Amino acid sequence: MFEDRGDPCSLLVFIDDATGKLMQLRFVRSESAFTYFEALELYLQAHGAPVAFYSDKHSVFRVAKKDAKGGQGMTQFGRALSELNIEILCANSSQAKGRVERMNRTLQDRLIKDLRLEGICGMDDGNAFLPRFMERYNRQFAITPARPDDRHRSLNLAPDRLKEILCKREQRYVGAQLTFSYERQRIMLEENGVTRGLVGRYVETYAYADGRLDVRWKGYSLPYRVFDKDQRVTHAAITENKRLSDVLACIKERQDQSSPKVKTNSEKNGYTPRGRKPGRRTDSMNDPAVIARRRQALSNGDAAE
């Protein structure tokens, strides 16, 4: 969008199907659930909740694998729209989403030229310019709808509640030490009256766009600590945190153990080594059966004399 003047980025586009009006534009680094959450929040604050969104089959909107397990068959974005009582319809052909495709071609021409004339070369300045561009574009090109009624609904949601909806939510299994894995990290719940009963159960994680992570059980926020999976646990850490001493001591003991023995191909296939078979002189010299036979032979020789 900024040609050679700035870093590459993507433009998220929301348009009204009835009028061709630009409803929301947003420059983002890449298309992801978090960037669509950001653009959707701005849309909802400006216009309210629509009856439905019509989208392409990007993985943000649609689970590609029919046999995918978990997630109740919907993406994070789809789950958020469901909680907001907004339908999402995925286009089955390029013709079905022709209005958006035509708009994208228009923006690739008109918007790029305007950005060049304004000397804009970054996402922040670009996003600050977009409201002016949308107003000018809509005034010139938007058409009158066949029906004048607006189907957008007011949200009537507190800002904190909207943030809870527009986030990534997943379930995690709590192990015996009140720990679970999340994004290559080990999360350890702090022990209290609630967490003691969560071993063997699932908690829900709330990941926000600003990097915050909330862990909850039936709506109750749980205190926790984060450890990197590859982090080495030192004796100093055990001394400074007595409450975790037992758990950290076990981790430290496991880390200090020697590297596991690398199995041979035969052992991987189930072969168990049984030691050397007697036969070579170094083995047979100390074999009890060989010693007994040797003694018997010597005694027989003495008797013959």
C-alpha atoms as a PDB file:
ATOM      1  CA  MET A   1       0.000   0.000   0.000  1.00  0.00           C
ATOM      2  CA  PHE A   2       2.878   2.391   0.752  1.00  0.00           C
ATOM      3  CA  GLU A   3       4.823   1.263  -2.332  1.00  0.00           C
ATOM      4  CA  ASP A   4       8.542   1.562  -1.487  1.00  0.00           C
ATOM      5  CA  ARG A   5       8.029   4.158   1.242  1.00  0.00           C
ATOM      6  CA  GLY A   6       7.174   1.786   4.096  1.00  0.00           C
ATOM      7  CA  ASP A   7       6.886  -1.777   5.325  1.00  0.00           C
ATOM      8  CA  PRO A   8       4.379  -4.108   3.630  1.00  0.00           C
ATOM      9  CA  CYS A   9       0.997  -4.536   5.308  1.00  0.00           C
ATOM     10  CA  SER A  10      -2.577  -5.672   4.693  1.00  0.00           C
ATOM     11  CA  LEU A  11      -5.776  -3.646   4.488  1.00  0.00           C
ATOM     12  CA  LEU A  12      -8.929  -4.988   6.154  1.00  0.00           C
ATOM     13  CA  VAL A  13     -12.067  -3.806   4.354  1.00  0.00           C
ATOM     14  CA  PHE A  14     -15.675  -3.694   5.613  1.00  0.00           C
ATOM     15  CA  ILE A  15     -18.295  -2.452   3.120  1.00  0.00           C
ATOM     16  CA  ASP A  16     -22.083  -2.221   3.165  1.00  0.00           C
ATOM     17  CA  ASP A  17     -23.572  -4.576   0.579  1.00  0.00           C
ATOM     18  CA  ALA A  18     -26.679  -2.436   0.038  1.00  0.00           C
ATOM     19  CA  THR A  19     -24.953   0.889  -0.642  1.00  0.00           C
ATOM     20  CA  GLY A  20     -21.311   0.108  -1.449  1.00  0.00           C
ATOM     21  CA  LYS A  21     -20.381   2.381   1.443  1.00  0.00           C
ATOM     22  CA  LEU A  22     -17.013   1.897   3.127  1.00  0.00           C
ATOM     23  CA  MET A  23     -17.811   1.035   6.750  1.00  0.00           C
ATOM     24  CA  GLN A  24     -14.345   0.325   8.148  1.00  0.00           C
ATOM     25  CA  LEU A  25     -10.764   0.262   6.844  1.00  0.00           C
ATOM     26  CA  ARG A  26      -7.741  -0.777   8.867  1.00  0.00           C
ATOM     27  CA  PHE A  27      -4.062  -1.261   8.044  1.00  0.00           C
ATOM     28  CA  VAL A  28      -2.564  -4.288   9.840  1.00  0.00           C
ATOM     29  CA  ARG A  29       0.713  -6.215   9.679  1.00  0.00           C
ATOM     30  CA  SER A  30      -1.049  -9.403   8.611  1.00  0.00           C
ATOM     31  CA  GLU A  31      -4.464 -11.048   8.640  1.00  0.00           C
ATOM     32  CA  SER A  32      -5.038 -12.827  11.950  1.00  0.00           C
ATOM     33  CA  ALA A  33      -7.747 -13.303  14.544  1.00  0.00           C
ATOM     34  CA  PHE A  34      -6.309 -10.479  16.665  1.00  0.00           C
ATOM     35  CA  THR A  35      -6.130  -7.954  13.812  1.00  0.00           C
ATOM     36  CA  TYR A  36      -9.697  -8.773  12.770  1.00  0.00           C
ATOM     37  CA  PHE A  37     -10.781  -8.394  16.409  1.00  0.00           C
ATOM     38  CA  GLU A  38      -9.198  -4.940  16.399  1.00  0.00           C
ATOM     39  CA  ALA A  39     -10.981  -3.887  13.210  1.00  0.00           C
ATOM     40  CA  LEU A  40     -14.271  -5.434  14.358  1.00  0.00           C
ATOM     41  CA  GLU A  41     -14.168  -3.511  17.636  1.00  0.00           C
ATOM     42  CA  LEU A  42     -13.785  -0.238  15.735  1.00  0.00           C
ATOM     43  CA  TYR A  43     -16.668  -1.228  13.444  1.00  0.00           C
ATOM     44  CA  LEU A  44     -18.976  -2.091  16.350  1.00  0.00           C
ATOM     45  CA  GLN A  45     -18.165   1.129  18.184  1.00  0.00           C
ATOM     46  CA  ALA A  46     -18.933   3.192  15.084  1.00  0.00           C
ATOM     47  CA  HIS A  47     -21.990   1.394  13.700  1.00  0.00           C
ATOM     48  CA  GLY A  48     -23.298  -1.196  16.167  1.00  0.00           C
ATOM     49  CA  ALA A  49     -23.836  -4.897  15.409  1.00  0.00           C
ATOM     50  CA  PRO A  50     -24.993  -5.913  11.906  1.00  0.00           C
ATOM     51  CA  VAL A  51     -27.251  -8.864  11.195  1.00  0.00           C
ATOM     52  CA  ALA A  52     -24.472 -10.730   9.365  1.00  0.00           C
ATOM     53  CA  PHE A  53     -21.012 -10.470   7.847  1.00  0.00           C
ATOM     54  CA  TYR A  54     -20.321 -11.871   4.383  1.00  0.00           C
ATOM     55  CA  SER A  55     -16.710 -12.997   4.008  1.00  0.00           C
ATOM     56  CA  ASP A  56     -14.354 -15.123   1.964  1.00  0.00           C
ATOM     57  CA  LYS A  57     -13.090 -18.501   3.188  1.00  0.00           C
ATOM     58  CA  HIS A  58     -10.011 -17.217   4.981  1.00  0.00           C
ATOM     59  CA  SER A  59      -9.001 -19.423   7.914  1.00  0.00           C
ATOM     60  CA  VAL A  60      -9.864 -16.575  10.299  1.00  0.00           C
ATOM     61  CA  PHE A  61     -13.540 -17.004   9.377  1.00  0.00           C
ATOM     62  CA  ARG A  62     -13.907 -20.680   8.586  1.00  0.00           C
ATOM     63  CA  VAL A  63     -12.578 -24.031   9.829  1.00  0.00           C
ATOM     64  CA  ALA A  64     -11.085 -25.539   6.675  1.00  0.00           C
ATOM     65  CA  LYS A  65     -11.006 -29.175   7.855  1.00  0.00           C
ATOM     66  CA  LYS A  66     -14.421 -30.777   8.210  1.00  0.00           C
ATOM     67  CA  ASP A  67     -13.035 -33.363  10.644  1.00  0.00           C
ATOM     68  CA  ALA A  68     -11.188 -30.836  12.820  1.00  0.00           C
ATOM     69  CA  LYS A  69     -11.424 -31.735  16.480  1.00  0.00           C
ATOM     70  CA  GLY A  70     -12.214 -29.252  19.220  1.00  0.00           C
ATOM     71  CA  GLY A  71     -13.302 -25.633  19.025  1.00  0.00           C
ATOM     72  CA  GLN A  72     -16.956 -26.613  18.436  1.00  0.00           C
ATOM     73  CA  GLY A  73     -16.355 -26.414  14.672  1.00  0.00           C
ATOM     74  CA  MET A  74     -15.803 -22.639  14.565  1.00  0.00           C
ATOM     75  CA  THR A  75     -12.862 -20.262  14.560  1.00  0.00           C
ATOM     76  CA  GLN A  76     -12.089 -17.739  17.290  1.00  0.00           C
ATOM     77  CA  PHE A  77     -13.592 -14.997  15.124  1.00  0.00           C
ATOM     78  CA  GLY A  78     -16.682 -17.109  14.478  1.00  0.00           C
ATOM     79  CA  ARG A  79     -17.069 -17.800  18.188  1.00  0.00           C
ATOM     80  CA  ALA A  80     -16.894 -14.064  18.949  1.00  0.00           C
ATOM     81  CA  LEU A  81     -19.539 -13.243  16.331  1.00  0.00           C
ATOM     82  CA  SER A  82     -21.775 -15.976  17.732  1.00  0.00           C
ATOM     83  CA  GLU A  83     -21.579 -14.415  21.205  1.00  0.00           C
ATOM     84  CA  LEU A  84     -22.471 -11.055  19.661  1.00  0.00           C
ATOM     85  CA  ASN A  85     -25.441 -12.663  17.843  1.00  0.00           C
ATOM     86  CA  ILE A  86     -23.950 -11.877  14.422  1.00  0.00           C
ATOM     87  CA  GLU A  87     -24.109 -14.429  11.608  1.00  0.00           C
ATOM     88  CA  ILE A  88     -21.115 -15.078   9.371  1.00  0.00           C
ATOM     89  CA  LEU A  89     -21.654 -16.219   5.771  1.00  0.00           C
ATOM     90  CA  CYS A  90     -18.718 -17.486   3.701  1.00  0.00           C
ATOM     91  CA  ALA A  91     -18.786 -16.924  -0.054  1.00  0.00           C
ATOM     92  CA  ASN A  92     -18.584 -20.087  -2.170  1.00  0.00           C
ATOM     93  CA  SER A  93     -17.266 -18.383  -5.308  1.00  0.00           C
ATOM     94  CA  SER A  94     -15.370 -15.305  -6.425  1.00  0.00           C
ATOM     95  CA  GLN A  95     -18.563 -14.046  -8.101  1.00  0.00           C
ATOM     96  CA  ALA A  96     -20.424 -14.183  -4.781  1.00  0.00           C
ATOM     97  CA  LYS A  97     -17.943 -11.776  -3.206  1.00  0.00           C
ATOM     98  CA  GLY A  98     -17.567  -9.661  -6.333  1.00  0.00           C
ATOM     99  CA  ARG A  99     -18.439  -6.383  -4.594  1.00  0.00           C
ATOM    100  CA  VAL A 100     -15.504  -6.717  -2.188  1.00  0.00           C
ATOM    101  CA  GLU A 101     -13.147  -7.767  -4.986  1.00  0.00           C
ATOM    102  CA  ARG A 102     -14.143  -4.735  -7.051  1.00  0.00           C
ATOM    103  CA  MET A 103     -13.686  -2.507  -4.017  1.00  0.00           C
ATOM    104  CA  ASN A 104     -10.218  -3.936  -3.414  1.00  0.00           C
ATOM    105  CA  ARG A 105      -9.216  -3.132  -6.992  1.00  0.00           C
ATOM    106  CA  THR A 106     -10.554   0.404  -6.561  1.00  0.00           C
ATOM    107  CA  LEU A 107      -8.637   0.898  -3.316  1.00  0.00           C
ATOM    108  CA  GLN A 108      -5.444  -0.469  -4.823  1.00  0.00           C
ATOM    109  CA  ASP A 109      -5.663   2.361  -7.330  1.00  0.00           C
ATOM    110  CA  ARG A 110      -7.356   5.300  -5.612  1.00  0.00           C
ATOM    111  CA  LEU A 111      -6.131   4.802  -2.025  1.00  0.00           C
ATOM    112  CA  ILE A 112      -2.521   4.179  -3.047  1.00  0.00           C
ATOM    113  CA  LYS A 113      -2.500   7.415  -5.052  1.00  0.00           C
ATOM    114  CA  ASP A 114      -3.967   9.386  -2.141  1.00  0.00           C
ATOM    115  CA  LEU A 115      -1.394   7.935   0.268  1.00  0.00           C
ATOM    116  CA  ARG A 116       1.352   8.970  -2.142  1.00  0.00           C
ATOM    117  CA  LEU A 117      -0.035  12.519  -2.457  1.00  0.00           C
ATOM    118  CA  GLU A 118      -0.292  12.824   1.336  1.00  0.00           C
ATOM    119  CA  GLY A 119       3.279  11.571   1.784  1.00  0.00           C
ATOM    120  CA  ILE A 120       2.098   8.764   4.084  1.00  0.00           C
ATOM    121  CA  CYS A 121       4.584   5.921   4.480  1.00  0.00           C
ATOM    122  CA  GLY A 122       3.563   3.985   7.616  1.00  0.00           C
ATOM    123  CA  MET A 123       0.613   2.162   9.180  1.00  0.00           C
ATOM    124  CA  ASP A 124       0.028   4.621  12.020  1.00  0.00           C
ATOM    125  CA  ASP A 125      -0.213   7.632   9.723  1.00  0.00           C
ATOM    126  CA  GLY A 126      -2.175   5.539   7.243  1.00  0.00           C
ATOM    127  CA  ASN A 127      -4.785   4.520   9.832  1.00  0.00           C
ATOM    128  CA  ALA A 128      -5.103   8.145  10.941  1.00  0.00           C
ATOM    129  CA  PHE A 129      -5.785   9.140   7.315  1.00  0.00           C
ATOM    130  CA  LEU A 130      -8.353   6.411   6.533  1.00  0.00           C
ATOM    131  CA  PRO A 131     -11.422   8.079   8.173  1.00  0.00           C
ATOM    132  CA  ARG A 132     -10.962  11.137   5.925  1.00  0.00           C
ATOM    133  CA  PHE A 133     -10.542   8.912   2.891  1.00  0.00           C
ATOM    134  CA  MET A 134     -13.707   6.915   3.722  1.00  0.00           C
ATOM    135  CA  GLU A 135     -15.782  10.059   4.223  1.00  0.00           C
ATOM    136  CA  ARG A 136     -14.673  11.508   0.895  1.00  0.00           C
ATOM    137  CA  TYR A 137     -15.143   8.211  -0.944  1.00  0.00           C
ATOM    138  CA  ASN A 138     -18.619   7.535   0.498  1.00  0.00           C
ATOM    139  CA  ARG A 139     -19.801  11.039  -0.274  1.00  0.00           C
ATOM    140  CA  GLN A 140     -18.827  10.574  -3.904  1.00  0.00           C
ATOM    141  CA  PHE A 141     -19.630   6.912  -4.625  1.00  0.00           C
ATOM    142  CA  ALA A 142     -22.115   5.469  -2.090  1.00  0.00           C
ATOM    143  CA  ILE A 143     -25.604   4.839  -3.489  1.00  0.00           C
ATOM    144  CA  THR A 144     -29.043   5.151  -1.905  1.00  0.00           C
ATOM    145  CA  PRO A 145     -30.298   1.795  -0.545  1.00  0.00           C
ATOM    146  CA  ALA A 146     -33.532   0.254  -1.804  1.00  0.00           C
ATOM    147  CA  ARG A 147     -34.855   0.233   1.775  1.00  0.00           C
ATOM    148  CA  PRO A 148     -33.997   3.047   4.174  1.00  0.00           C
ATOM    149  CA  ASP A 149     -34.120   1.054   7.426  1.00  0.00           C
ATOM    150  CA  ASP A 150     -30.790   0.381   9.168  1.00  0.00           C
ATOM    151  CA  ARG A 151     -30.510  -3.169  10.544  1.00  0.00           C
ATOM    152  CA  HIS A 152     -27.557  -2.453  12.838  1.00  0.00           C
ATOM    153  CA  ARG A 153     -28.283  -3.036  16.533  1.00  0.00           C
ATOM    154  CA  SER A 154     -26.792  -1.210  19.489  1.00  0.00           C
ATOM    155  CA  LEU A 155     -24.424  -3.407  21.506  1.00  0.00           C
ATOM    156  CA  ASN A 156     -25.318  -2.373  25.049  1.00  0.00           C
ATOM    157  CA  LEU A 157     -22.113  -4.018  26.268  1.00  0.00           C
ATOM    158  CA  ALA A 158     -19.611  -2.711  28.782  1.00  0.00           C
ATOM    159  CA  PRO A 159     -16.137  -2.162  27.245  1.00  0.00           C
ATOM    160  CA  ASP A 160     -14.628  -4.873  29.471  1.00  0.00           C
ATOM    161  CA  ARG A 161     -17.266  -7.366  28.359  1.00  0.00           C
ATOM    162  CA  LEU A 162     -16.554  -6.603  24.691  1.00  0.00           C
ATOM    163  CA  LYS A 163     -12.833  -7.180  25.327  1.00  0.00           C
ATOM    164  CA  GLU A 164     -13.651 -10.583  26.842  1.00  0.00           C
ATOM    165  CA  ILE A 165     -15.514 -11.540  23.672  1.00  0.00           C
ATOM    166  CA  LEU A 166     -12.891 -10.210  21.242  1.00  0.00           C
ATOM    167  CA  CYS A 167     -10.037 -12.403  22.454  1.00  0.00           C
ATOM    168  CA  LYS A 168      -8.684 -15.913  21.925  1.00  0.00           C
ATOM    169  CA  ARG A 169     -10.283 -18.419  24.258  1.00  0.00           C
ATOM    170  CA  GLU A 170      -9.056 -21.982  24.676  1.00  0.00           C
ATOM    171  CA  GLN A 171      -9.335 -24.812  27.200  1.00  0.00           C
ATOM    172  CA  ARG A 172      -6.302 -26.323  28.929  1.00  0.00           C
ATOM    173  CA  TYR A 173      -6.014 -29.508  31.024  1.00  0.00           C
ATOM    174  CA  VAL A 174      -4.593 -29.002  34.530  1.00  0.00           C
ATOM    175  CA  GLY A 175      -1.989 -31.582  35.565  1.00  0.00           C
ATOM    176  CA  ALA A 176      -1.137 -33.039  38.967  1.00  0.00           C
ATOM    177  CA  GLN A 177       1.167 -30.136  39.890  1.00  0.00           C
ATOM    178  CA  LEU A 178      -1.460 -27.506  38.971  1.00  0.00           C
ATOM    179  CA  THR A 179       0.361 -26.855  35.670  1.00  0.00           C
ATOM    180  CA  PHE A 180      -0.542 -26.775  31.986  1.00  0.00           C
ATOM    181  CA  SER A 181       1.184 -25.828  28.727  1.00  0.00           C
ATOM    182  CA  TYR A 182       0.351 -22.714  26.739  1.00  0.00           C
ATOM    183  CA  GLU A 183       2.249 -21.293  23.732  1.00  0.00           C
ATOM    184  CA  ARG A 184       5.535 -23.068  24.609  1.00  0.00           C
ATOM    185  CA  GLN A 185       5.258 -21.942  28.219  1.00  0.00           C
ATOM    186  CA  ARG A 186       4.467 -23.762  31.429  1.00  0.00           C
ATOM    187  CA  ILE A 187       1.678 -22.120  33.437  1.00  0.00           C
ATOM    188  CA  MET A 188       1.556 -22.955  37.154  1.00  0.00           C
ATOM    189  CA  LEU A 189      -1.602 -22.067  39.077  1.00  0.00           C
ATOM    190  CA  GLU A 190      -1.088 -20.678  42.541  1.00  0.00           C
ATOM    191  CA  GLU A 191      -2.515 -23.008  45.142  1.00  0.00           C
ATOM    192  CA  ASN A 192      -5.678 -21.842  46.895  1.00  0.00           C
ATOM    193  CA  GLY A 193      -9.096 -23.132  47.832  1.00  0.00           C
ATOM    194  CA  VAL A 194     -10.300 -23.032  44.228  1.00  0.00           C
ATOM    195  CA  THR A 195      -7.260 -24.380  42.370  1.00  0.00           C
ATOM    196  CA  ARG A 196      -6.760 -27.397  44.674  1.00  0.00           C
ATOM    197  CA  GLY A 197      -9.814 -29.016  43.108  1.00  0.00           C
ATOM    198  CA  LEU A 198      -8.827 -28.325  39.488  1.00  0.00           C
ATOM    199  CA  VAL A 199      -6.383 -31.214  38.998  1.00  0.00           C
ATOM    200  CA  GLY A 200      -7.698 -33.293  36.101  1.00  0.00           C
ATOM    201  CA  ARG A 201     -10.104 -30.551  35.007  1.00  0.00           C
ATOM    202  CA  TYR A 202     -10.051 -27.974  32.217  1.00  0.00           C
ATOM    203  CA  VAL A 203      -9.558 -24.239  32.734  1.00  0.00           C
ATOM    204  CA  GLU A 204     -10.193 -21.551  30.115  1.00  0.00           C
ATOM    205  CA  THR A 205      -7.508 -19.163  28.865  1.00  0.00           C
ATOM    206  CA  TYR A 206      -8.309 -15.648  27.637  1.00  0.00           C
ATOM    207  CA  ALA A 207      -5.525 -14.249  25.411  1.00  0.00           C
ATOM    208  CA  TYR A 208      -5.814 -10.550  24.536  1.00  0.00           C
ATOM    209  CA  ALA A 209      -4.257  -8.611  21.657  1.00  0.00           C
ATOM    210  CA  ASP A 210      -2.068  -6.593  24.046  1.00  0.00           C
ATOM    211  CA  GLY A 211      -0.351  -9.771  25.305  1.00  0.00           C
ATOM    212  CA  ARG A 212      -2.310 -10.253  28.522  1.00  0.00           C
ATOM    213  CA  LEU A 213      -3.367 -13.777  29.488  1.00  0.00           C
ATOM    214  CA  ASP A 214      -6.188 -14.506  31.916  1.00  0.00           C
ATOM    215  CA  VAL A 215      -6.877 -18.008  33.267  1.00  0.00           C
ATOM    216  CA  ARG A 216     -10.418 -18.691  34.480  1.00  0.00           C
ATOM    217  CA  TRP A 217     -12.529 -21.397  36.034  1.00  0.00           C
ATOM    218  CA  LYS A 218     -16.299 -20.872  35.774  1.00  0.00           C
ATOM    219  CA  GLY A 219     -15.725 -17.126  35.370  1.00  0.00           C
ATOM    220  CA  TYR A 220     -13.356 -16.882  38.339  1.00  0.00           C
ATOM    221  CA  SER A 221      -9.922 -15.438  37.490  1.00  0.00           C
ATOM    222  CA  LEU A 222      -7.087 -17.656  38.764  1.00  0.00           C
ATOM    223  CA  PRO A 223      -3.651 -16.422  39.891  1.00  0.00           C
ATOM    224  CA  TYR A 224      -0.711 -18.105  38.163  1.00  0.00           C
ATOM    225  CA  ARG A 225       3.001 -17.983  37.361  1.00  0.00           C
ATOM    226  CA  VAL A 226       4.672 -18.473  33.978  1.00  0.00           C
ATOM    227  CA  PHE A 227       7.752 -20.590  33.285  1.00  0.00           C
ATOM    228  CA  ASP A 228       9.374 -21.039  29.882  1.00  0.00           C
ATOM    229  CA  LYS A 229       9.565 -24.701  28.905  1.00  0.00           C
ATOM    230  CA  ASP A 230      13.292 -24.425  28.175  1.00  0.00           C
ATOM    231  CA  GLN A 231      14.031 -22.342  31.262  1.00  0.00           C
ATOM    232  CA  ARG A 232      16.612 -23.841  33.618  1.00  0.00           C
ATOM    233  CA  VAL A 233      15.548 -23.858  37.263  1.00  0.00           C
ATOM    234  CA  THR A 234      18.357 -22.808  39.594  1.00  0.00           C
ATOM    235  CA  HIS A 235      18.869 -23.617  43.262  1.00  0.00           C
ATOM    236  CA  ALA A 236      18.489 -19.890  43.972  1.00  0.00           C
ATOM    237  CA  ALA A 237      14.961 -19.983  42.574  1.00  0.00           C
ATOM    238  CA  ILE A 238      14.125 -22.890  44.887  1.00  0.00           C
ATOM    239  CA  THR A 239      15.468 -20.996  47.916  1.00  0.00           C
ATOM    240  CA  GLU A 240      13.624 -17.784  47.066  1.00  0.00           C
ATOM    241  CA  ASN A 241      10.265 -19.436  46.472  1.00  0.00           C
ATOM    242  CA  LYS A 242       9.619 -21.860  49.309  1.00  0.00           C
ATOM    243  CA  ARG A 243       6.016 -22.493  48.353  1.00  0.00           C
ATOM    244  CA  LEU A 244       7.132 -24.017  45.062  1.00  0.00           C
ATOM    245  CA  SER A 245      10.150 -25.781  46.517  1.00  0.00           C
ATOM    246  CA  ASP A 246       8.797 -29.315  46.129  1.00  0.00           C
ATOM    247  CA  VAL A 247       7.770 -28.860  42.512  1.00  0.00           C
ATOM    248  CA  LEU A 248      10.921 -26.995  41.522  1.00  0.00           C
ATOM    249  CA  ALA A 249      13.108 -29.549  43.281  1.00  0.00           C
ATOM    250  CA  CYS A 250      11.617 -32.290  41.110  1.00  0.00           C
ATOM    251  CA  ILE A 251      12.160 -30.192  37.993  1.00  0.00           C
ATOM    252  CA  LYS A 252      15.747 -29.456  39.014  1.00  0.00           C
ATOM    253  CA  GLU A 253      16.434 -33.139  39.667  1.00  0.00           C
ATOM    254  CA  ARG A 254      15.076 -34.089  36.249  1.00  0.00           C
ATOM    255  CA  GLN A 255      17.107 -31.376  34.517  1.00  0.00           C
ATOM    256  CA  ASP A 256      20.326 -32.475  36.241  1.00  0.00           C
ATOM    257  CA  GLN A 257      19.970 -36.079  35.133  1.00  0.00           C
ATOM    258  CA  SER A 258      22.252 -37.303  32.357  1.00  0.00           C
ATOM    259  CA  SER A 259      20.933 -37.366  28.821  1.00  0.00           C
ATOM    260  CA  PRO A 260      18.838 -40.456  28.068  1.00  0.00           C
ATOM    261  CA  LYS A 261      20.516 -43.360  26.268  1.00  0.00           C
ATOM    262  CA  VAL A 262      19.947 -43.295  22.513  1.00  0.00           C
ATOM    263  CA  LYS A 263      18.322 -46.564  21.459  1.00  0.00           C
ATOM    264  CA  THR A 264      19.654 -48.587  18.547  1.00  0.00           C
ATOM    265  CA  ASN A 265      17.350 -49.526  15.678  1.00  0.00           C
ATOM    266  CA  SER A 266      17.121 -53.097  17.048  1.00  0.00           C
ATOM    267  CA  GLU A 267      16.093 -51.825  20.474  1.00  0.00           C
ATOM    268  CA  LYS A 268      13.472 -49.539  18.902  1.00  0.00           C
ATOM    269  CA  ASN A 269      11.976 -52.650  17.248  1.00  0.00           C
ATOM    270  CA  GLY A 270      11.623 -54.414  20.596  1.00  0.00           C
ATOM    271  CA  TYR A 271      14.962 -56.292  20.845  1.00  0.00           C
ATOM    272  CA  THR A 272      16.317 -56.516  24.396  1.00  0.00           C
ATOM    273  CA  PRO A 273      20.101 -57.044  24.719  1.00  0.00           C
ATOM    274  CA  ARG A 274      20.917 -60.098  26.889  1.00  0.00           C
ATOM    275  CA  GLY A 275      24.663 -59.717  27.187  1.00  0.00           C
ATOM    276  CA  ARG A 276      27.372 -61.686  25.443  1.00  0.00           C
ATOM    277  CA  LYS A 277      26.941 -65.316  24.578  1.00  0.00           C
ATOM    278  CA  PRO A 278      29.704 -67.590  25.912  1.00  0.00           C
ATOM    279  CA  GLY A 279      31.965 -68.921  23.217  1.00  0.00           C
ATOM    280  CA  ARG A 280      34.959 -66.679  23.098  1.00  0.00           C
ATOM    281  CA  ARG A 281      37.793 -67.665  25.399  1.00  0.00           C
ATOM    282  CA  THR A 282      37.423 -64.575  27.553  1.00  0.00           C
ATOM    283  CA  ASP A 283      33.826 -65.608  28.308  1.00  0.00           C
ATOM    284  CA  SER A 284      34.227 -69.416  28.626  1.00  0.00           C
ATOM    285  CA  MET A 285      37.175 -69.317  31.020  1.00  0.00           C
ATOM    286  CA  ASN A 286      34.915 -68.144  33.835  1.00  0.00           C
ATOM    287  CA  ASP A 287      31.792 -70.077  32.826  1.00  0.00           C
ATOM    288  CA  PRO A 288      30.773 -72.447  35.719  1.00  0.00           C
ATOM    289  CA  ALA A 289      29.808 -75.277  33.335  1.00  0.00           C
ATOM    290  CA  VAL A 290      33.148 -75.105  31.535  1.00  0.00           C
ATOM    291  CA  ILE A 291      35.033 -75.097  34.849  1.00  0.00           C
ATOM    292  CA  ALA A 292      33.089 -78.175  36.043  1.00  0.00           C
ATOM    293  CA  ARG A 293      33.829 -80.094  32.838  1.00  0.00           C
ATOM    294  CA  ARG A 294      37.496 -79.195  33.061  1.00  0.00           C
ATOM    295  CA  ARG A 295      37.719 -80.453  36.622  1.00  0.00           C
ATOM    296  CA  GLN A 296      35.933 -83.692  35.664  1.00  0.00           C
ATOM    297  CA  ALA A 297      38.385 -84.269  32.822  1.00  0.00           C
ATOM    298  CA  LEU A 298      41.354 -83.734  35.132  1.00  0.00           C
ATOM    299  CA  SER A 299      39.974 -86.151  37.724  1.00  0.00           C
ATOM    300  CA  ASN A 300      39.345 -88.810  35.061  1.00  0.00           C
ATOM    301  CA  GLY A 301      42.925 -88.437  33.859  1.00  0.00           C
ATOM    302  CA  ASP A 302      44.324 -88.928  37.353  1.00  0.00           C
ATOM    303  CA  ALA A 303      42.202 -92.091  37.807  1.00  0.00           C
ATOM    304  CA  ALA A 304      43.480 -93.575  34.548  1.00  0.00           C
ATOM    305  CA  GLU A 305      47.074 -93.251  35.681  1.00  0.00           C
END
